Amino acid sequence: MSYAYLFKYIIIGDTGVGKSCLLLQFTDKRFQPVHDLTIGVEFGARMISIDGKQIKLQIWDTAGQEAFRSITRSYYRGAAGALLVYDITRRDTFNHLTQWLDDLRQHTSSNMVIMLIGNKSDLESRRDVKKEEGESFAREHGLVFMETSAKTAANVEEAFINTAKEIYQKIQEGVFDINNEANGIKIGPQLNPNPGANPNRPQSSGCC
């Protein structure tokens, strides 16, 4: 299907916080209770609509283990959006957020939209991190915040789509240079009707 823009996302966070389950719920609308550990990266894609335009989300789900960090870092570059995920039932995953965020900001554009996600909101009885703590961390670091449940699908759509809306808004405001694909945004065939032309190459003016 034709699209106006392609946005590249990455999902990061500790092992076992539900990154792969969030991706599966968003792309396939299903929950897989037992999921193998992600080795390196996994990939998913889905079309959404914003402001009447078709937007393709290309989502890279990265492994949480330290052993794969050098591989996953290479996917940080050229991403327009990031979902930084912790598990509300495991305080250690929340405590590691600063480390993930520092790593992310070191390897990405300062314009990247980062959504902080407290996952597993269905496990309220086992909650170890208050919602207010997530909100406070997001405010302090300039992130968007949501609690989600990959199991019940609560807020999963909203998390991915709201991140895209923020990116789209930045495009409208001229924050992103959309002709530079290193920003994680690609102009699609709907807006570039001449696919043979390279939108990144300045058109010759016929002078000099």
C-alpha atoms as a PDB file:
ATOM      1  CA  MET A   1       0.000   0.000   0.000  1.00  0.00           C
ATOM      2  CA  SER A   2       1.202   3.487  -0.859  1.00  0.00           C
ATOM      3  CA  TYR A   3       2.198   5.773   2.010  1.00  0.00           C
ATOM      4  CA  ALA A   4       3.085   9.440   2.522  1.00  0.00           C
ATOM      5  CA  TYR A   5       5.828   8.888   5.090  1.00  0.00           C
ATOM      6  CA  LEU A   6       7.746   6.037   6.642  1.00  0.00           C
ATOM      7  CA  PHE A   7       8.794   6.469  10.283  1.00  0.00           C
ATOM      8  CA  LYS A   8      11.450   4.246  11.804  1.00  0.00           C
ATOM      9  CA  TYR A   9      10.963   3.274  15.483  1.00  0.00           C
ATOM     10  CA  ILE A  10      13.066   1.365  17.952  1.00  0.00           C
ATOM     11  CA  ILE A  11      11.871  -0.315  21.156  1.00  0.00           C
ATOM     12  CA  ILE A  12      14.414  -0.466  23.974  1.00  0.00           C
ATOM     13  CA  GLY A  13      14.551  -1.452  27.639  1.00  0.00           C
ATOM     14  CA  ASP A  14      15.610  -4.286  29.934  1.00  0.00           C
ATOM     15  CA  THR A  15      15.058  -7.961  29.122  1.00  0.00           C
ATOM     16  CA  GLY A  16      11.589  -9.252  29.962  1.00  0.00           C
ATOM     17  CA  VAL A  17       9.755  -5.911  30.146  1.00  0.00           C
ATOM     18  CA  GLY A  18       7.477  -6.916  27.262  1.00  0.00           C
ATOM     19  CA  LYS A  19       9.037  -5.160  24.255  1.00  0.00           C
ATOM     20  CA  SER A  20       8.359  -8.020  21.825  1.00  0.00           C
ATOM     21  CA  CYS A  21       4.834  -8.480  23.237  1.00  0.00           C
ATOM     22  CA  LEU A  22       4.057  -4.801  22.667  1.00  0.00           C
ATOM     23  CA  LEU A  23       5.234  -5.064  19.065  1.00  0.00           C
ATOM     24  CA  LEU A  24       3.193  -8.239  18.482  1.00  0.00           C
ATOM     25  CA  GLN A  25       0.078  -6.708  20.022  1.00  0.00           C
ATOM     26  CA  PHE A  26       0.427  -3.604  17.837  1.00  0.00           C
ATOM     27  CA  THR A  27       1.210  -5.343  14.540  1.00  0.00           C
ATOM     28  CA  ASP A  28      -0.776  -8.594  14.906  1.00  0.00           C
ATOM     29  CA  LYS A  29      -3.283  -7.744  17.668  1.00  0.00           C
ATOM     30  CA  ARG A  30      -2.366 -10.829  19.657  1.00  0.00           C
ATOM     31  CA  PHE A  31      -0.613 -11.649  22.913  1.00  0.00           C
ATOM     32  CA  GLN A  32       1.952 -14.404  23.250  1.00  0.00           C
ATOM     33  CA  PRO A  33       2.440 -15.235  26.952  1.00  0.00           C
ATOM     34  CA  VAL A  34       5.649 -17.177  26.390  1.00  0.00           C
ATOM     35  CA  HIS A  35       8.088 -15.379  24.161  1.00  0.00           C
ATOM     36  CA  ASP A  36      11.660 -16.408  23.371  1.00  0.00           C
ATOM     37  CA  LEU A  37      14.291 -13.845  24.284  1.00  0.00           C
ATOM     38  CA  THR A  38      14.984 -11.533  21.385  1.00  0.00           C
ATOM     39  CA  ILE A  39      18.358 -12.241  19.826  1.00  0.00           C
ATOM     40  CA  GLY A  40      19.721  -9.016  18.361  1.00  0.00           C
ATOM     41  CA  VAL A  41      16.658  -7.364  16.782  1.00  0.00           C
ATOM     42  CA  GLU A  42      13.210  -8.302  15.529  1.00  0.00           C
ATOM     43  CA  PHE A  43      11.156  -6.351  13.039  1.00  0.00           C
ATOM     44  CA  GLY A  44       7.521  -5.418  12.543  1.00  0.00           C
ATOM     45  CA  ALA A  45       5.587  -2.922  10.398  1.00  0.00           C
ATOM     46  CA  ARG A  46       2.109  -1.435  10.258  1.00  0.00           C
ATOM     47  CA  MET A  47       0.225   1.287   8.414  1.00  0.00           C
ATOM     48  CA  ILE A  48      -1.578   3.988  10.375  1.00  0.00           C
ATOM     49  CA  SER A  49      -3.362   7.174   9.320  1.00  0.00           C
ATOM     50  CA  ILE A  50      -2.601  10.662  10.638  1.00  0.00           C
ATOM     51  CA  ASP A  51      -4.260  13.802   9.343  1.00  0.00           C
ATOM     52  CA  GLY A  52      -5.651  11.798   6.405  1.00  0.00           C
ATOM     53  CA  LYS A  53      -2.172  10.606   5.374  1.00  0.00           C
ATOM     54  CA  GLN A  54      -0.994   6.996   5.351  1.00  0.00           C
ATOM     55  CA  ILE A  55       2.090   6.524   7.497  1.00  0.00           C
ATOM     56  CA  LYS A  56       4.102   3.333   7.542  1.00  0.00           C
ATOM     57  CA  LEU A  57       5.719   2.492  10.883  1.00  0.00           C
ATOM     58  CA  GLN A  58       8.853   0.383  10.607  1.00  0.00           C
ATOM     59  CA  ILE A  59       9.565  -0.933  14.107  1.00  0.00           C
ATOM     60  CA  TRP A  60      12.766  -2.537  15.342  1.00  0.00           C
ATOM     61  CA  ASP A  61      12.477  -4.454  18.608  1.00  0.00           C
ATOM     62  CA  THR A  62      15.903  -4.677  20.252  1.00  0.00           C
ATOM     63  CA  ALA A  63      17.340  -7.228  22.676  1.00  0.00           C
ATOM     64  CA  GLY A  64      17.637  -6.085  26.280  1.00  0.00           C
ATOM     65  CA  GLN A  65      20.723  -8.093  27.217  1.00  0.00           C
ATOM     66  CA  GLU A  66      24.035  -6.280  27.570  1.00  0.00           C
ATOM     67  CA  ALA A  67      25.661  -8.860  25.260  1.00  0.00           C
ATOM     68  CA  PHE A  68      23.669  -7.512  22.301  1.00  0.00           C
ATOM     69  CA  ARG A  69      24.078  -3.827  23.124  1.00  0.00           C
ATOM     70  CA  SER A  70      26.628  -3.150  20.377  1.00  0.00           C
ATOM     71  CA  ILE A  71      24.298  -4.704  17.762  1.00  0.00           C
ATOM     72  CA  THR A  72      21.223  -2.847  18.983  1.00  0.00           C
ATOM     73  CA  ARG A  73      23.068   0.491  19.138  1.00  0.00           C
ATOM     74  CA  SER A  74      23.515   0.372  15.375  1.00  0.00           C
ATOM     75  CA  TYR A  75      19.707   0.489  15.085  1.00  0.00           C
ATOM     76  CA  TYR A  76      19.486   3.617  17.240  1.00  0.00           C
ATOM     77  CA  ARG A  77      20.946   5.678  14.433  1.00  0.00           C
ATOM     78  CA  GLY A  78      18.377   6.793  11.935  1.00  0.00           C
ATOM     79  CA  ALA A  79      15.327   6.305  14.166  1.00  0.00           C
ATOM     80  CA  ALA A  80      12.666   9.024  14.415  1.00  0.00           C
ATOM     81  CA  GLY A  81      10.920   7.532  17.453  1.00  0.00           C
ATOM     82  CA  ALA A  82      11.802   5.333  20.409  1.00  0.00           C
ATOM     83  CA  LEU A  83       9.666   3.430  22.889  1.00  0.00           C
ATOM     84  CA  LEU A  84      11.600   3.128  26.154  1.00  0.00           C
ATOM     85  CA  VAL A  85       9.928   0.355  28.163  1.00  0.00           C
ATOM     86  CA  TYR A  86      10.051  -0.698  31.813  1.00  0.00           C
ATOM     87  CA  ASP A  87       7.987  -3.223  33.782  1.00  0.00           C
ATOM     88  CA  ILE A  88       5.811  -1.664  36.512  1.00  0.00           C
ATOM     89  CA  THR A  89       6.264  -4.840  38.612  1.00  0.00           C
ATOM     90  CA  ARG A  90      10.092  -4.710  38.557  1.00  0.00           C
ATOM     91  CA  ARG A  91      11.727  -1.638  40.062  1.00  0.00           C
ATOM     92  CA  ASP A  92      15.162  -2.561  38.684  1.00  0.00           C
ATOM     93  CA  THR A  93      13.846  -2.077  35.121  1.00  0.00           C
ATOM     94  CA  PHE A  94      12.738   1.441  36.133  1.00  0.00           C
ATOM     95  CA  ASN A  95      16.066   2.170  37.827  1.00  0.00           C
ATOM     96  CA  HIS A  96      17.907   1.345  34.589  1.00  0.00           C
ATOM     97  CA  LEU A  97      15.967   3.929  32.531  1.00  0.00           C
ATOM     98  CA  THR A  98      18.568   6.680  32.969  1.00  0.00           C
ATOM     99  CA  GLN A  99      21.250   4.370  31.577  1.00  0.00           C
ATOM    100  CA  TRP A 100      19.081   3.474  28.549  1.00  0.00           C
ATOM    101  CA  LEU A 101      18.210   7.114  27.954  1.00  0.00           C
ATOM    102  CA  ASP A 102      21.845   8.272  28.132  1.00  0.00           C
ATOM    103  CA  ASP A 103      22.818   5.552  25.667  1.00  0.00           C
ATOM    104  CA  LEU A 104      19.960   6.487  23.350  1.00  0.00           C
ATOM    105  CA  ARG A 105      20.699  10.205  23.347  1.00  0.00           C
ATOM    106  CA  GLN A 106      24.367   9.569  22.708  1.00  0.00           C
ATOM    107  CA  HIS A 107      23.585   7.714  19.465  1.00  0.00           C
ATOM    108  CA  THR A 108      20.511   9.498  18.099  1.00  0.00           C
ATOM    109  CA  SER A 109      19.237  12.837  16.861  1.00  0.00           C
ATOM    110  CA  SER A 110      18.168  15.335  19.513  1.00  0.00           C
ATOM    111  CA  ASN A 111      14.843  15.661  17.653  1.00  0.00           C
ATOM    112  CA  MET A 112      13.885  12.035  18.235  1.00  0.00           C
ATOM    113  CA  VAL A 113      10.493  11.535  19.902  1.00  0.00           C
ATOM    114  CA  ILE A 114      10.822   9.270  22.950  1.00  0.00           C
ATOM    115  CA  MET A 115       7.787   7.607  24.530  1.00  0.00           C
ATOM    116  CA  LEU A 116       8.324   6.205  28.036  1.00  0.00           C
ATOM    117  CA  ILE A 117       6.177   3.130  28.613  1.00  0.00           C
ATOM    118  CA  GLY A 118       5.356   1.465  31.915  1.00  0.00           C
ATOM    119  CA  ASN A 119       4.225  -1.949  30.681  1.00  0.00           C
ATOM    120  CA  LYS A 120       2.204  -4.713  32.401  1.00  0.00           C
ATOM    121  CA  SER A 121      -0.434  -2.348  33.835  1.00  0.00           C
ATOM    122  CA  ASP A 122      -2.740  -5.399  34.086  1.00  0.00           C
ATOM    123  CA  LEU A 123      -0.587  -6.632  37.021  1.00  0.00           C
ATOM    124  CA  GLU A 124      -1.754  -3.868  39.380  1.00  0.00           C
ATOM    125  CA  SER A 125      -1.561  -6.148  42.446  1.00  0.00           C
ATOM    126  CA  ARG A 126       2.170  -6.675  41.798  1.00  0.00           C
ATOM    127  CA  ARG A 127       2.942  -3.037  41.019  1.00  0.00           C
ATOM    128  CA  ASP A 128       6.387  -1.957  42.241  1.00  0.00           C
ATOM    129  CA  VAL A 129       6.620   1.426  40.454  1.00  0.00           C
ATOM    130  CA  LYS A 130       3.928   4.071  41.004  1.00  0.00           C
ATOM    131  CA  LYS A 131       2.416   5.714  37.935  1.00  0.00           C
ATOM    132  CA  GLU A 132       3.398   9.098  39.376  1.00  0.00           C
ATOM    133  CA  GLU A 133       7.059   8.017  39.340  1.00  0.00           C
ATOM    134  CA  GLY A 134       6.849   7.254  35.623  1.00  0.00           C
ATOM    135  CA  GLU A 135       5.135  10.593  34.977  1.00  0.00           C
ATOM    136  CA  SER A 136       7.754  12.432  37.007  1.00  0.00           C
ATOM    137  CA  PHE A 137      10.673  10.717  35.176  1.00  0.00           C
ATOM    138  CA  ALA A 138       9.080  11.556  31.800  1.00  0.00           C
ATOM    139  CA  ARG A 139       8.555  15.217  32.779  1.00  0.00           C
ATOM    140  CA  GLU A 140      12.118  15.537  34.031  1.00  0.00           C
ATOM    141  CA  HIS A 141      13.587  14.148  30.801  1.00  0.00           C
ATOM    142  CA  GLY A 142      11.165  15.632  28.258  1.00  0.00           C
ATOM    143  CA  LEU A 143       9.516  12.321  27.306  1.00  0.00           C
ATOM    144  CA  VAL A 144       5.937  11.372  26.499  1.00  0.00           C
ATOM    145  CA  PHE A 145       4.537   8.867  29.057  1.00  0.00           C
ATOM    146  CA  MET A 146       1.976   6.067  29.058  1.00  0.00           C
ATOM    147  CA  GLU A 147       1.243   2.888  30.971  1.00  0.00           C
ATOM    148  CA  THR A 148       0.298  -0.056  28.772  1.00  0.00           C
ATOM    149  CA  SER A 149      -0.602  -3.720  28.911  1.00  0.00           C
ATOM    150  CA  ALA A 150       0.579  -5.888  26.045  1.00  0.00           C
ATOM    151  CA  LYS A 151      -1.700  -8.590  27.451  1.00  0.00           C
ATOM    152  CA  THR A 152      -4.995  -6.672  27.453  1.00  0.00           C
ATOM    153  CA  ALA A 153      -3.868  -4.258  24.676  1.00  0.00           C
ATOM    154  CA  ALA A 154      -4.598  -1.271  26.954  1.00  0.00           C
ATOM    155  CA  ASN A 155      -2.963   1.877  25.490  1.00  0.00           C
ATOM    156  CA  VAL A 156      -0.778  -0.133  23.081  1.00  0.00           C
ATOM    157  CA  GLU A 157      -2.299   1.466  19.952  1.00  0.00           C
ATOM    158  CA  GLU A 158      -2.124   4.885  21.593  1.00  0.00           C
ATOM    159  CA  ALA A 159       1.551   4.511  22.533  1.00  0.00           C
ATOM    160  CA  PHE A 160       2.675   3.785  18.970  1.00  0.00           C
ATOM    161  CA  ILE A 161       0.246   6.211  17.305  1.00  0.00           C
ATOM    162  CA  ASN A 162       0.850   9.116  19.707  1.00  0.00           C
ATOM    163  CA  THR A 163       4.586   8.783  19.068  1.00  0.00           C
ATOM    164  CA  ALA A 164       3.870   9.024  15.322  1.00  0.00           C
ATOM    165  CA  LYS A 165       1.648  12.080  15.885  1.00  0.00           C
ATOM    166  CA  GLU A 166       4.503  13.810  17.726  1.00  0.00           C
ATOM    167  CA  ILE A 167       6.903  13.033  14.843  1.00  0.00           C
ATOM    168  CA  TYR A 168       4.330  14.231  12.296  1.00  0.00           C
ATOM    169  CA  GLN A 169       3.840  17.453  14.270  1.00  0.00           C
ATOM    170  CA  LYS A 170       7.600  18.050  14.244  1.00  0.00           C
ATOM    171  CA  ILE A 171       7.621  17.564  10.458  1.00  0.00           C
ATOM    172  CA  GLN A 172       4.852  20.193  10.127  1.00  0.00           C
ATOM    173  CA  GLU A 173       6.872  22.572  12.311  1.00  0.00           C
ATOM    174  CA  GLY A 174       9.994  22.050  10.171  1.00  0.00           C
ATOM    175  CA  VAL A 175      11.980  20.495  13.035  1.00  0.00           C
ATOM    176  CA  PHE A 176      12.943  17.431  10.983  1.00  0.00           C
ATOM    177  CA  ASP A 177      14.826  17.656   7.709  1.00  0.00           C
ATOM    178  CA  ILE A 178      12.699  15.095   5.867  1.00  0.00           C
ATOM    179  CA  ASN A 179      15.148  14.962   2.968  1.00  0.00           C
ATOM    180  CA  ASN A 180      17.733  13.454   5.270  1.00  0.00           C
ATOM    181  CA  GLU A 181      16.796   9.804   5.877  1.00  0.00           C
ATOM    182  CA  ALA A 182      19.259   9.685   8.788  1.00  0.00           C
ATOM    183  CA  ASN A 183      16.413  11.282  10.792  1.00  0.00           C
ATOM    184  CA  GLY A 184      14.386   8.065  10.480  1.00  0.00           C
ATOM    185  CA  ILE A 185      11.784   9.572   8.151  1.00  0.00           C
ATOM    186  CA  LYS A 186      11.369   8.653   4.517  1.00  0.00           C
ATOM    187  CA  ILE A 187       9.083  10.394   2.041  1.00  0.00           C
ATOM    188  CA  GLY A 188       6.778   7.800   0.520  1.00  0.00           C
ATOM    189  CA  PRO A 189       5.341   7.437  -2.987  1.00  0.00           C
ATOM    190  CA  GLN A 190       2.239   9.487  -2.082  1.00  0.00           C
ATOM    191  CA  LEU A 191       4.372  12.601  -1.627  1.00  0.00           C
ATOM    192  CA  ASN A 192       7.131  11.706  -4.071  1.00  0.00           C
ATOM    193  CA  PRO A 193       5.319  10.727  -7.279  1.00  0.00           C
ATOM    194  CA  ASN A 194       8.600  10.393  -9.158  1.00  0.00           C
ATOM    195  CA  PRO A 195      10.165   7.357  -7.402  1.00  0.00           C
ATOM    196  CA  GLY A 196      13.053   7.338  -9.865  1.00  0.00           C
ATOM    197  CA  ALA A 197      14.260  10.645  -8.505  1.00  0.00           C
ATOM    198  CA  ASN A 198      16.348  10.705  -5.381  1.00  0.00           C
ATOM    199  CA  PRO A 199      14.578  13.123  -2.998  1.00  0.00           C
ATOM    200  CA  ASN A 200      17.868  13.543  -1.127  1.00  0.00           C
ATOM    201  CA  ARG A 201      19.666  14.939  -4.199  1.00  0.00           C
ATOM    202  CA  PRO A 202      19.188  18.667  -4.884  1.00  0.00           C
ATOM    203  CA  GLN A 203      17.512  19.232  -8.235  1.00  0.00           C
ATOM    204  CA  SER A 204      19.661  20.958 -10.809  1.00  0.00           C
ATOM    205  CA  SER A 205      18.546  24.513 -11.497  1.00  0.00           C
ATOM    206  CA  GLY A 206      20.038  24.370 -14.994  1.00  0.00           C
ATOM    207  CA  CYS A 207      22.482  27.089 -14.054  1.00  0.00           C
ATOM    208  CA  CYS A 208      26.276  26.806 -13.928  1.00  0.00           C
END
